[in-house]
Amino acid sequence: MLGGIVVSLPLLAQAELAPGKADVGNNHPGQAATAKQCSFRRPVCVEGASVGIRRAALPLLEAAFELIVLGQAGPSWPLDPYAEPVSWQLEGGPLSFAVDRTSSTGFDRGRAHCRGGEITRATAIACVTGSITTRLAPATSPTLTQGIAGYLALLHDGGPATVAALDDARRRPERGVLSDPSAPTAALLVEQLASQAEPGQAATAPWLALLLPATKTTPGAPQLDAEPDALDALFDTFGAHDPHLSRFLDEMALRRFSSSGPLGTSTPLPELAWDVDAASLPRNLVLPRPLAPTGSAYVSVRLDEPTRRTGLALRTFCEEGSRYVWSLARLDRADRIVSRVRATGRESGTNAEGVLRELDGVDKALIVGTSLGGSPGRELDPDEAPLAEHSCEVALDRLPTN
């Protein structure tokens, strides 16, 4: 998926740039000058803070621009004297992105700014990535912008801020990856997109995927028209009635349940909704926390010999207002997923059924449920906040003996 449209370019080596900067001010009539330092080599500027901090931040932003824009096969920033530079406003607080709509006779375009964050290489990479995303697709939701920015920072520099956000997201997987527009938790979705790309295209495929939806807002409209959005593009790619979308989110949920996080980073396992012994079956378990769209719940079942011989049966009952995908996985003693089967159920329904057999040598069974968001005919929209949450009940029993 998506890999066929990506063209690979060689990654540029990151060389030390000779200092070629200038302190300038935004000397608009009637306004106080704002400290700004711009590069003579790349279209990047830093604003605010002290001269020393600006001088430390500018080389990071230059190198990030070379890495992300010039060294990748993604959309390029216009390199002409009239193009707006990448602007990093050093004002403290967490990294965020803002975009001002600019006049355009075609698709929507914007003037992007990134604000805050620590003065690090990872933040500079995220700043460039998010700025280009919001410039070329200004209607992209803040959640997805944070996700692609955080993912590329993680990919190229370890991204400690992204790692911390994803660790927190794994501890509360029911929240979903789209619930917090101020954190890069959608990097999990971006990583899943990257895993579907052709080899060597993990950095560029998700970036292009998020830029696929091009929006056109009516002149004079009070706000940008955010339709279609990136998830609309995914729905169209998978097809309205194609099971690939549910499989995509199910695989993302299984990826979250791993001792190895994005790009091999160490991360805690997601918090279990329930952890039960098979000897206690049959059980009806109500999820302790409702599922937000893209949120997942994990139920662990420690197997005994009678259950290994006969197998495990699952039935689910969920609230109306969303769609769900369920799967049953086999775990070894290290809680690694050995194999899995998907539960069956209509995508338009709230119930599902599944069985798990061939359990010889299997230590645990893992039940994984994920909210697809949106009832039939109402697709998941990342711009809708707060996203509605819905509860589920899981019924477990061992299969009868023949």
Protein backbone atom coordinates (compact mmCIF):
# COMPACT_ATOMS: atom_id res chain seq x y z
CA MET A 1 0.00 0.00 0.00
CA LEU A 2 1.18 3.47 -0.89
CA GLY A 3 4.70 2.25 -1.64
CA GLY A 4 4.23 2.28 -5.39
CA ILE A 5 3.98 6.07 -5.58
CA VAL A 6 7.16 6.74 -3.66
CA VAL A 7 10.48 7.46 -5.36
CA SER A 8 13.62 7.09 -3.32
CA LEU A 9 16.34 9.73 -3.27
CA PRO A 10 19.74 9.39 -1.61
CA LEU A 11 19.91 10.81 1.89
CA LEU A 12 22.19 13.82 2.09
CA ALA A 13 25.02 13.68 4.55
CA GLN A 14 24.66 16.17 7.34
CA ALA A 15 27.63 18.51 7.12
CA GLU A 16 28.44 21.27 9.54
CA LEU A 17 27.20 24.48 8.04
CA ALA A 18 29.34 27.57 8.14
CA PRO A 19 27.72 30.31 10.19
CA GLY A 20 25.91 32.55 7.77
CA LYS A 21 23.05 34.12 9.64
CA ALA A 22 21.66 37.49 10.33
CA ASP A 23 19.70 39.04 13.15
CA VAL A 24 16.71 40.83 11.73
CA GLY A 25 13.51 42.25 13.06
CA ASN A 26 9.92 42.23 11.88
CA ASN A 27 9.89 46.00 11.45
CA HIS A 28 6.27 46.48 10.49
CA PRO A 29 4.86 49.96 11.04
CA GLY A 30 3.36 50.31 14.47
CA GLN A 31 4.80 47.04 15.75
CA ALA A 32 7.74 46.37 18.02
CA ALA A 33 10.63 44.55 16.43
CA THR A 34 10.73 40.82 17.15
CA ALA A 35 14.15 39.18 17.43
CA LYS A 36 14.62 36.85 14.47
CA GLN A 37 17.64 35.08 13.11
CA CYS A 38 17.55 33.65 9.58
CA SER A 39 19.90 31.50 7.57
CA PHE A 40 21.55 32.71 4.38
CA ARG A 41 21.84 29.07 3.22
CA ARG A 42 18.40 27.56 3.85
CA PRO A 43 14.90 29.06 4.10
CA VAL A 44 14.72 28.72 7.87
CA CYS A 45 14.42 31.24 10.71
CA VAL A 46 14.26 31.15 14.49
CA GLU A 47 12.44 33.77 16.53
CA GLY A 48 12.36 34.88 20.13
CA ALA A 49 14.61 33.85 23.05
CA SER A 50 18.12 35.20 23.46
CA VAL A 51 20.77 35.63 20.79
CA GLY A 52 22.72 32.70 22.21
CA ILE A 53 19.74 30.35 22.08
CA ARG A 54 18.85 31.45 18.55
CA ARG A 55 22.41 30.81 17.43
CA ALA A 56 22.23 27.33 18.95
CA ALA A 57 18.85 26.55 17.38
CA LEU A 58 19.48 27.81 13.84
CA PRO A 59 22.12 25.21 12.81
CA LEU A 60 19.79 22.47 14.07
CA LEU A 61 16.98 23.83 11.91
CA GLU A 62 19.26 24.14 8.88
CA ALA A 63 20.44 20.54 9.25
CA ALA A 64 16.85 19.34 9.77
CA PHE A 65 15.78 21.12 6.57
CA GLU A 66 18.59 19.42 4.64
CA LEU A 67 17.65 16.03 6.07
CA ILE A 68 13.89 16.18 5.71
CA VAL A 69 13.38 18.35 2.62
CA LEU A 70 16.49 17.93 0.52
CA GLY A 71 17.28 14.39 1.55
CA GLN A 72 13.82 12.85 1.25
CA ALA A 73 11.49 12.03 -1.63
CA GLY A 74 8.68 14.05 -0.14
CA PRO A 75 7.19 17.39 -1.17
CA SER A 76 9.78 20.14 -1.34
CA TRP A 77 9.64 23.59 0.17
CA PRO A 78 9.70 26.26 -2.57
CA LEU A 79 13.25 27.59 -2.80
CA ASP A 80 12.58 31.11 -4.12
CA PRO A 81 13.06 34.56 -2.58
CA TYR A 82 9.33 35.01 -1.99
CA ALA A 83 8.70 31.69 -0.21
CA GLU A 84 7.91 31.80 3.48
CA PRO A 85 10.75 30.15 5.43
CA VAL A 86 10.33 27.48 8.06
CA SER A 87 9.82 29.50 11.22
CA TRP A 88 10.64 28.14 14.68
CA GLN A 89 9.33 30.35 17.46
CA LEU A 90 11.34 29.66 20.60
CA GLU A 91 8.71 30.49 23.18
CA GLY A 92 8.86 27.55 25.58
CA GLY A 93 6.23 24.93 26.28
CA PRO A 94 5.61 21.77 24.23
CA LEU A 95 6.06 21.75 20.48
CA SER A 96 2.96 22.88 18.59
CA PHE A 97 2.07 23.95 15.08
CA ALA A 98 0.02 26.85 13.78
CA VAL A 99 -0.93 27.73 10.23
CA ASP A 100 -2.30 30.89 8.66
CA ARG A 101 -4.33 30.41 5.50
CA THR A 102 -2.82 32.08 2.44
CA SER A 103 -4.62 33.08 -0.73
CA SER A 104 -4.56 30.44 -3.42
CA THR A 105 -6.45 29.89 -6.66
CA GLY A 106 -6.04 26.11 -6.34
CA PHE A 107 -5.68 23.84 -3.38
CA ASP A 108 -5.45 25.27 0.12
CA ARG A 109 -2.01 26.45 1.20
CA GLY A 110 -0.84 27.95 4.47
CA ARG A 111 1.89 29.87 6.24
CA ALA A 112 3.18 27.53 8.91
CA HIS A 113 4.89 28.14 12.23
CA CYS A 114 6.19 25.72 14.82
CA ARG A 115 6.37 26.87 18.39
CA GLY A 116 8.06 25.72 21.57
CA GLY A 117 9.81 22.48 22.31
CA GLU A 118 13.31 21.83 23.58
CA ILE A 119 16.27 23.09 21.56
CA THR A 120 17.30 19.69 20.20
CA ARG A 121 17.91 18.05 16.84
CA ALA A 122 14.78 15.93 17.27
CA THR A 123 12.62 19.02 17.85
CA ALA A 124 14.13 20.74 14.80
CA ILE A 125 13.30 17.68 12.66
CA ALA A 126 9.74 17.68 14.00
CA CYS A 127 9.47 21.42 13.39
CA VAL A 128 10.46 21.12 9.71
CA THR A 129 8.22 18.10 9.15
CA GLY A 130 5.15 19.63 10.77
CA SER A 131 5.69 22.97 9.06
CA ILE A 132 5.80 21.41 5.60
CA THR A 133 2.76 19.27 6.35
CA THR A 134 0.69 22.25 7.51
CA ARG A 135 1.92 24.45 4.66
CA LEU A 136 0.99 22.00 1.90
CA ALA A 137 -2.07 20.53 3.63
CA PRO A 138 -3.17 23.20 6.12
CA ALA A 139 -6.42 21.38 6.91
CA THR A 140 -4.51 18.40 8.35
CA SER A 141 -5.68 17.81 11.91
CA PRO A 142 -3.23 18.81 14.68
CA THR A 143 -3.22 15.20 15.87
CA LEU A 144 -1.95 13.84 12.56
CA THR A 145 0.52 16.71 12.15
CA GLN A 146 1.97 15.90 15.56
CA GLY A 147 2.05 12.22 14.60
CA ILE A 148 4.06 12.58 11.38
CA ALA A 149 6.38 15.16 12.97
CA GLY A 150 7.00 12.96 15.99
CA TYR A 151 7.49 9.84 13.89
CA LEU A 152 10.18 11.37 11.68
CA ALA A 153 11.90 12.85 14.75
CA LEU A 154 11.89 9.35 16.23
CA LEU A 155 13.06 7.79 13.00
CA HIS A 156 16.06 10.07 12.58
CA ASP A 157 17.05 11.06 16.09
CA GLY A 158 15.43 8.82 18.68
CA GLY A 159 12.79 11.47 19.44
CA PRO A 160 12.66 11.33 23.27
CA ALA A 161 9.49 13.45 23.34
CA THR A 162 7.78 10.99 20.99
CA VAL A 163 8.97 8.00 23.00
CA ALA A 164 7.59 9.53 26.20
CA ALA A 165 4.21 10.23 24.54
CA LEU A 166 3.98 6.71 23.13
CA ASP A 167 4.90 5.16 26.46
CA ASP A 168 2.02 7.07 28.04
CA ALA A 169 -0.31 6.02 25.22
CA ARG A 170 0.54 2.36 25.76
CA ARG A 171 -0.29 2.61 29.42
CA ARG A 172 -3.80 3.77 28.47
CA PRO A 173 -4.45 2.16 25.07
CA GLU A 174 -8.22 2.70 25.28
CA ARG A 175 -7.70 6.43 24.63
CA GLY A 176 -6.73 5.82 21.01
CA VAL A 177 -4.03 7.56 19.03
CA LEU A 178 -6.14 10.56 17.95
CA SER A 179 -7.40 11.75 21.32
CA ASP A 180 -4.66 14.26 22.22
CA PRO A 181 -3.90 16.93 19.59
CA SER A 182 -0.96 18.21 21.65
CA ALA A 183 0.98 14.91 21.73
CA PRO A 184 2.55 12.81 18.94
CA THR A 185 0.61 9.65 19.82
CA ALA A 186 -0.58 9.38 16.19
CA ALA A 187 3.01 8.32 15.45
CA LEU A 188 1.65 4.81 16.10
CA LEU A 189 -0.71 5.20 13.14
CA VAL A 190 2.11 6.69 11.05
CA GLU A 191 4.34 3.74 11.95
CA GLN A 192 1.61 1.35 10.81
CA LEU A 193 1.44 3.22 7.50
CA ALA A 194 5.22 2.94 7.20
CA SER A 195 5.07 -0.80 7.79
CA GLN A 196 2.84 -1.16 4.71
CA ALA A 197 5.27 0.66 2.42
CA GLU A 198 7.86 -0.87 0.15
CA PRO A 199 11.28 -1.57 1.70
CA GLY A 200 13.28 1.60 2.19
CA GLN A 201 10.25 3.89 2.04
CA ALA A 202 9.33 3.98 5.75
CA ALA A 203 10.12 7.69 6.03
CA THR A 204 8.47 8.98 2.90
CA ALA A 205 5.37 6.81 2.41
CA PRO A 206 3.43 7.98 5.49
CA TRP A 207 4.37 11.59 4.79
CA LEU A 208 2.96 11.38 1.28
CA ALA A 209 -0.06 9.47 2.57
CA LEU A 210 -0.96 12.33 4.91
CA LEU A 211 -0.55 14.84 2.09
CA LEU A 212 -2.76 12.92 -0.36
CA PRO A 213 -5.98 14.73 0.58
CA ALA A 214 -5.97 18.13 -1.12
CA THR A 215 -8.63 20.52 0.12
CA LYS A 216 -10.24 23.54 -1.53
CA THR A 217 -11.93 26.03 0.77
CA THR A 218 -14.42 28.54 -0.58
CA PRO A 219 -12.91 32.05 -0.57
CA GLY A 220 -14.12 34.02 2.42
CA ALA A 221 -15.05 30.93 4.45
CA PRO A 222 -14.42 31.45 8.19
CA GLN A 223 -12.28 28.32 8.46
CA LEU A 224 -10.56 25.73 6.31
CA ASP A 225 -12.67 22.95 4.88
CA ALA A 226 -10.97 19.84 6.28
CA GLU A 227 -12.68 17.39 3.93
CA PRO A 228 -11.36 15.12 2.63
CA ASP A 229 -8.88 14.42 5.42
CA ALA A 230 -6.12 11.84 5.63
CA LEU A 231 -8.40 9.17 7.07
CA ASP A 232 -10.88 9.79 4.26
CA ALA A 233 -8.04 9.01 1.86
CA LEU A 234 -7.38 5.78 3.74
CA PHE A 235 -11.06 4.80 3.62
CA ASP A 236 -11.09 5.42 -0.14
CA THR A 237 -7.86 3.48 -0.58
CA PHE A 238 -9.17 0.48 1.32
CA GLY A 239 -12.69 0.69 -0.09
CA ALA A 240 -15.91 1.41 1.75
CA HIS A 241 -16.73 -2.26 2.38
CA ASP A 242 -13.21 -3.70 2.26
CA PRO A 243 -12.01 -5.46 5.43
CA HIS A 244 -8.50 -4.08 4.97
CA LEU A 245 -9.21 -1.00 7.07
CA SER A 246 -10.24 -3.09 10.08
CA ARG A 247 -7.20 -5.28 9.53
CA PHE A 248 -5.00 -2.20 9.37
CA LEU A 249 -6.21 -0.96 12.76
CA ASP A 250 -6.16 -4.49 14.22
CA GLU A 251 -2.52 -4.88 13.20
CA MET A 252 -1.76 -1.48 14.71
CA ALA A 253 -3.31 -2.68 17.99
CA LEU A 254 -1.20 -5.83 17.92
CA ARG A 255 1.89 -3.72 17.20
CA ARG A 256 1.14 -1.72 20.35
CA PHE A 257 1.26 -4.96 22.37
CA SER A 258 4.96 -5.54 22.05
CA SER A 259 8.03 -5.25 24.24
CA SER A 260 9.63 -3.40 21.35
CA GLY A 261 8.11 -0.04 20.50
CA PRO A 262 8.51 2.01 17.32
CA LEU A 263 11.82 1.41 15.61
CA GLY A 264 12.90 -1.00 18.32
CA THR A 265 12.66 1.41 21.26
CA SER A 266 12.05 -0.16 24.65
CA THR A 267 8.55 0.49 25.89
CA PRO A 268 6.11 -0.82 28.51
CA LEU A 269 3.39 -3.22 27.50
CA PRO A 270 -0.12 -1.77 27.26
CA GLU A 271 -2.19 -1.92 30.40
CA LEU A 272 -4.48 -4.96 30.38
CA ALA A 273 -8.21 -4.47 30.72
CA TRP A 274 -8.44 -7.92 32.35
CA ASP A 275 -5.97 -10.67 33.28
CA VAL A 276 -7.80 -13.90 34.14
CA ASP A 277 -7.16 -17.62 34.59
CA ALA A 278 -8.81 -20.03 32.18
CA ALA A 279 -9.78 -22.13 35.20
CA SER A 280 -12.24 -19.35 36.15
CA LEU A 281 -14.16 -19.59 32.86
CA PRO A 282 -16.89 -19.00 31.84
CA ARG A 283 -16.58 -15.26 32.49
CA ASN A 284 -18.39 -12.15 31.34
CA LEU A 285 -16.00 -9.21 31.55
CA VAL A 286 -17.03 -5.59 31.15
CA LEU A 287 -14.15 -3.45 29.93
CA PRO A 288 -13.20 -1.15 32.83
CA ARG A 289 -12.71 1.80 30.48
CA PRO A 290 -14.62 2.65 27.27
CA LEU A 291 -12.84 2.68 23.92
CA ALA A 292 -12.25 5.89 21.98
CA PRO A 293 -11.90 5.58 18.19
CA THR A 294 -8.58 3.77 17.39
CA GLY A 295 -8.43 2.81 21.07
CA SER A 296 -7.81 -0.82 22.01
CA ALA A 297 -8.45 -3.16 24.93
CA TYR A 298 -6.38 -6.23 25.82
CA VAL A 299 -7.67 -9.20 27.79
CA SER A 300 -5.12 -11.85 28.81
CA VAL A 301 -6.16 -15.43 29.60
CA ARG A 302 -3.66 -17.71 31.35
CA LEU A 303 -4.37 -21.11 29.85
CA ASP A 304 -4.80 -24.42 31.67
CA GLU A 305 -4.64 -27.92 30.21
CA PRO A 306 -8.41 -28.39 29.72
CA THR A 307 -8.59 -25.12 27.73
CA ARG A 308 -5.51 -26.06 25.69
CA ARG A 309 -7.18 -29.36 24.76
CA THR A 310 -10.55 -27.94 23.77
CA GLY A 311 -9.89 -24.32 22.78
CA LEU A 312 -11.18 -20.88 23.76
CA ALA A 313 -14.45 -19.25 22.66
CA LEU A 314 -15.12 -15.50 22.48
CA ARG A 315 -18.26 -13.41 22.13
CA THR A 316 -18.34 -9.61 22.35
CA PHE A 317 -21.16 -7.14 22.98
CA CYS A 318 -20.48 -3.43 22.40
CA GLU A 319 -22.43 -0.21 22.49
CA GLU A 320 -23.92 1.23 19.34
CA GLY A 321 -22.24 4.24 17.79
CA SER A 322 -19.00 2.67 16.65
CA ARG A 323 -17.61 -0.32 14.78
CA TYR A 324 -15.14 -2.78 16.20
CA VAL A 325 -12.56 -5.35 15.19
CA TRP A 326 -11.51 -8.24 17.44
CA SER A 327 -8.75 -10.81 17.23
CA LEU A 328 -7.42 -13.68 19.34
CA ALA A 329 -3.66 -14.17 19.62
CA ARG A 330 -1.41 -16.89 21.03
CA LEU A 331 1.34 -15.71 23.40
CA ASP A 332 4.52 -17.47 24.49
CA ARG A 333 6.03 -17.27 27.97
CA ALA A 334 7.71 -13.94 27.09
CA ASP A 335 4.33 -12.42 26.12
CA ARG A 336 5.32 -12.40 22.46
CA ILE A 337 2.58 -12.90 19.89
CA VAL A 338 3.11 -16.22 18.13
CA SER A 339 0.06 -16.21 15.86
CA ARG A 340 -3.47 -14.89 15.75
CA VAL A 341 -6.93 -15.36 14.27
CA ARG A 342 -9.59 -12.74 13.68
CA ALA A 343 -13.04 -12.89 15.20
CA THR A 344 -15.93 -12.81 12.77
CA GLY A 345 -18.64 -10.19 12.79
CA ARG A 346 -20.34 -7.73 10.51
CA GLU A 347 -18.50 -4.44 10.27
CA SER A 348 -21.86 -2.71 10.79
CA GLY A 349 -22.60 -4.73 13.92
CA THR A 350 -21.52 -4.47 17.53
CA ASN A 351 -21.12 -8.21 18.21
CA ALA A 352 -18.35 -10.59 17.22
CA GLU A 353 -17.52 -14.25 17.75
CA GLY A 354 -14.28 -16.16 17.54
CA VAL A 355 -12.52 -19.36 18.61
CA LEU A 356 -8.88 -20.11 19.32
CA ARG A 357 -7.69 -23.70 18.91
CA GLU A 358 -4.31 -25.43 18.53
CA LEU A 359 -3.06 -24.22 21.89
CA ASP A 360 -0.43 -26.86 22.64
CA GLY A 361 2.65 -25.14 24.03
CA VAL A 362 0.85 -21.79 24.24
CA ASP A 363 1.14 -19.99 27.59
CA LYS A 364 -1.58 -17.34 27.22
CA ALA A 365 -4.35 -16.18 24.93
CA LEU A 366 -4.71 -12.47 24.21
CA ILE A 367 -8.05 -10.96 23.19
CA VAL A 368 -7.62 -7.66 21.34
CA GLY A 369 -10.49 -5.30 20.57
CA THR A 370 -10.21 -2.00 18.70
CA SER A 371 -12.79 0.69 18.01
CA LEU A 372 -12.91 1.66 14.35
CA GLY A 373 -14.83 4.82 15.17
CA GLY A 374 -18.07 5.88 13.56
CA SER A 375 -21.27 3.97 13.00
CA PRO A 376 -21.99 2.73 9.45
CA GLY A 377 -22.10 5.66 7.05
CA ARG A 378 -20.27 7.92 9.49
CA GLU A 379 -16.54 7.53 9.10
CA LEU A 380 -13.90 8.38 11.68
CA ASP A 381 -13.00 12.07 11.55
CA PRO A 382 -9.85 13.15 13.42
CA ASP A 383 -11.16 16.73 13.59
CA GLU A 384 -14.12 15.79 15.76
CA ALA A 385 -13.28 16.45 19.39
CA PRO A 386 -13.88 15.07 21.86
CA LEU A 387 -14.11 11.67 20.17
CA ALA A 388 -17.02 9.59 21.47
CA GLU A 389 -16.18 6.60 23.66
CA HIS A 390 -18.16 3.35 23.87
CA SER A 391 -18.11 0.39 26.24
CA CYS A 392 -17.87 -3.33 25.50
CA GLU A 393 -18.42 -6.64 27.25
CA VAL A 394 -16.38 -9.78 26.55
CA ALA A 395 -17.72 -13.30 27.18
CA LEU A 396 -15.12 -16.07 27.41
CA ASP A 397 -15.52 -19.83 27.78
CA ARG A 398 -13.68 -22.97 26.86
CA LEU A 399 -15.04 -24.93 23.93
CA PRO A 400 -17.02 -28.08 24.79
CA THR A 401 -15.31 -31.44 24.48
CA ASN A 402 -16.26 -33.53 21.48
